[in-house]
Amino acid sequence: MTSPKADNFDLGFGIPADVLDYLDPEILKKWPQGLSDMLTVVENAHIRAGDEPKVARRRAFAAVRAISSFAGGRSLYVPQGRQLDRALRDREIWERHTGDNIPQLVEDYDLTEAQIYSILAEQRKLARARMQSDLFCESTNG
């Protein structure tokens, strides 16, 4: 399914040969360890979710490549603690919402109906922004 080359760090998009010349030396010293740590964390999350180690490793490489493709070369803020939990909960509520299951969401998440509607409105804005971003990216690329 994947070629032997799939497990290297060739991220599949054009990177200028001199890109490392422009990185801050402090960042340059840290990035290999950061990538290694990220790979290990993602791999272990897949193993804890029930994947076989080889499958987990392959998925971890794919995930790190996807993150790099999305955020490579820029700072990426990742919330932690309650902020992260709330953001993930809100996204899960959005994905589970079917249009007629508000009472079930209220019960499952121990929130009020007003809170669920507020979360859905915010997630709708975020989804619209993602869609519009995709549209603009497609129109500028081709």
Protein backbone atom coordinates (compact mmCIF):
# COMPACT_ATOMS: atom_id res chain seq x y z
CA MET A 1 0.00 0.00 0.00
CA THR A 2 2.78 2.44 0.87
CA SER A 3 6.17 2.53 -0.72
CA PRO A 4 9.37 2.21 1.33
CA LYS A 5 9.93 5.90 0.67
CA ALA A 6 6.66 6.72 2.48
CA ASP A 7 8.29 6.58 5.92
CA ASN A 8 10.88 9.29 5.30
CA PHE A 9 10.35 12.99 5.83
CA ASP A 10 9.78 13.86 2.18
CA LEU A 11 6.58 15.78 2.79
CA GLY A 12 5.42 15.70 -0.80
CA PHE A 13 5.46 19.40 -1.61
CA GLY A 14 8.10 21.69 -3.01
CA ILE A 15 10.51 23.02 -0.43
CA PRO A 16 13.21 25.43 -1.57
CA ALA A 17 16.70 23.97 -1.15
CA ASP A 18 17.82 26.99 0.88
CA VAL A 19 14.84 27.06 3.24
CA LEU A 20 16.97 26.12 6.26
CA ASP A 21 19.18 29.16 5.65
CA TYR A 22 16.29 31.41 6.71
CA LEU A 23 15.33 29.68 9.94
CA ASP A 24 16.28 31.14 13.28
CA PRO A 25 19.22 29.05 14.62
CA GLU A 26 17.35 28.37 17.88
CA ILE A 27 14.38 26.97 15.95
CA LEU A 28 16.69 24.98 13.72
CA LYS A 29 18.26 23.28 16.76
CA LYS A 30 14.85 22.26 18.13
CA TRP A 31 12.83 21.13 15.13
CA PRO A 32 14.16 17.58 14.72
CA GLN A 33 13.37 16.80 18.37
CA GLY A 34 9.97 18.46 18.05
CA LEU A 35 9.09 16.36 15.01
CA SER A 36 10.29 13.22 16.74
CA ASP A 37 8.23 14.04 19.84
CA MET A 38 5.15 14.76 17.73
CA LEU A 39 5.56 11.49 15.85
CA THR A 40 5.87 9.54 19.12
CA VAL A 41 2.82 11.19 20.67
CA VAL A 42 0.62 10.55 17.63
CA GLU A 43 1.87 6.98 17.28
CA ASN A 44 1.15 6.22 20.95
CA ALA A 45 -2.32 7.74 20.67
CA HIS A 46 -3.10 5.36 17.80
CA ILE A 47 -1.74 2.40 19.77
CA ARG A 48 -3.89 3.35 22.78
CA ALA A 49 -6.87 3.55 20.40
CA GLY A 50 -6.24 -0.06 19.40
CA ASP A 51 -4.06 0.10 16.30
CA GLU A 52 -1.31 -2.43 15.76
CA PRO A 53 2.15 -0.80 16.20
CA LYS A 54 2.99 -0.90 12.46
CA VAL A 55 -0.37 0.66 11.55
CA ALA A 56 0.02 3.25 14.31
CA ARG A 57 3.48 4.20 13.02
CA ARG A 58 2.25 4.58 9.43
CA ARG A 59 -0.70 6.70 10.58
CA ALA A 60 1.57 8.81 12.78
CA PHE A 61 3.83 9.61 9.83
CA ALA A 62 0.77 10.53 7.76
CA ALA A 63 -0.58 12.75 10.56
CA VAL A 64 2.72 14.57 11.08
CA ARG A 65 3.03 15.12 7.33
CA ALA A 66 -0.52 16.53 7.26
CA ILE A 67 0.23 18.86 10.17
CA SER A 68 3.43 19.97 8.47
CA SER A 69 1.60 20.58 5.22
CA PHE A 70 -0.97 22.66 7.07
CA ALA A 71 1.24 24.55 9.51
CA GLY A 72 4.81 24.06 8.28
CA GLY A 73 6.92 27.17 8.61
CA ARG A 74 4.57 29.03 10.92
CA SER A 75 3.81 29.08 14.59
CA LEU A 76 0.87 26.96 15.63
CA TYR A 77 -0.85 27.54 18.94
CA VAL A 78 -2.30 24.38 20.46
CA PRO A 79 -4.45 25.01 23.53
CA GLN A 80 -4.28 22.71 26.50
CA GLY A 81 -6.38 21.84 29.50
CA ARG A 82 -9.90 23.21 29.64
CA GLN A 83 -9.51 25.25 26.44
CA LEU A 84 -8.58 22.16 24.46
CA ASP A 85 -11.30 20.06 26.09
CA ARG A 86 -13.93 22.68 25.30
CA ALA A 87 -12.78 23.12 21.70
CA LEU A 88 -12.84 19.37 21.11
CA ARG A 89 -16.22 19.03 22.83
CA ASP A 90 -17.69 21.82 20.72
CA ARG A 91 -16.40 20.28 17.50
CA GLU A 92 -17.80 16.89 18.57
CA ILE A 93 -21.20 18.47 19.27
CA TRP A 94 -21.12 20.04 15.80
CA GLU A 95 -20.28 16.73 14.16
CA ARG A 96 -22.94 14.82 16.11
CA HIS A 97 -25.69 17.38 15.46
CA THR A 98 -28.26 15.98 13.04
CA GLY A 99 -30.85 18.74 13.20
CA ASP A 100 -33.24 16.87 15.44
CA ASN A 101 -31.09 15.64 18.32
CA ILE A 102 -30.76 18.74 20.52
CA PRO A 103 -32.35 17.01 23.56
CA GLN A 104 -29.88 14.13 23.23
CA LEU A 105 -26.91 16.54 23.00
CA VAL A 106 -28.19 18.43 26.06
CA GLU A 107 -28.29 15.17 27.99
CA ASP A 108 -24.99 13.76 26.69
CA TYR A 109 -22.96 16.90 27.39
CA ASP A 110 -24.84 18.12 30.49
CA LEU A 111 -25.44 21.52 28.89
CA THR A 112 -28.53 23.66 28.45
CA GLU A 113 -30.38 23.90 25.17
CA ALA A 114 -29.24 27.53 24.87
CA GLN A 115 -25.60 26.47 25.33
CA ILE A 116 -25.95 23.81 22.62
CA TYR A 117 -27.48 26.33 20.19
CA SER A 118 -24.70 28.82 20.99
CA ILE A 119 -22.03 26.17 20.36
CA LEU A 120 -23.69 25.19 17.08
CA ALA A 121 -23.82 28.83 15.96
CA GLU A 122 -20.11 29.29 16.71
CA GLN A 123 -19.18 26.03 14.98
CA ARG A 124 -21.30 27.03 11.97
CA LYS A 125 -19.26 30.26 11.69
CA LEU A 126 -16.02 28.27 11.90
CA ALA A 127 -17.23 25.79 9.27
CA ARG A 128 -18.24 28.63 6.97
CA ALA A 129 -14.83 30.26 7.42
CA ARG A 130 -13.12 26.94 6.55
CA MET A 131 -15.26 26.55 3.44
CA GLN A 132 -14.66 30.13 2.30
CA SER A 133 -10.94 29.75 2.93
CA ASP A 134 -10.93 26.64 0.73
CA LEU A 135 -12.78 28.49 -2.00
CA PHE A 136 -10.31 31.36 -1.96
CA CYS A 137 -7.33 29.00 -1.95
CA GLU A 138 -8.70 27.10 -4.94
CA SER A 139 -9.40 30.26 -6.90
CA THR A 140 -5.89 31.64 -6.36
CA ASN A 141 -4.18 28.36 -7.21
CA GLY A 142 -5.86 27.63 -10.44
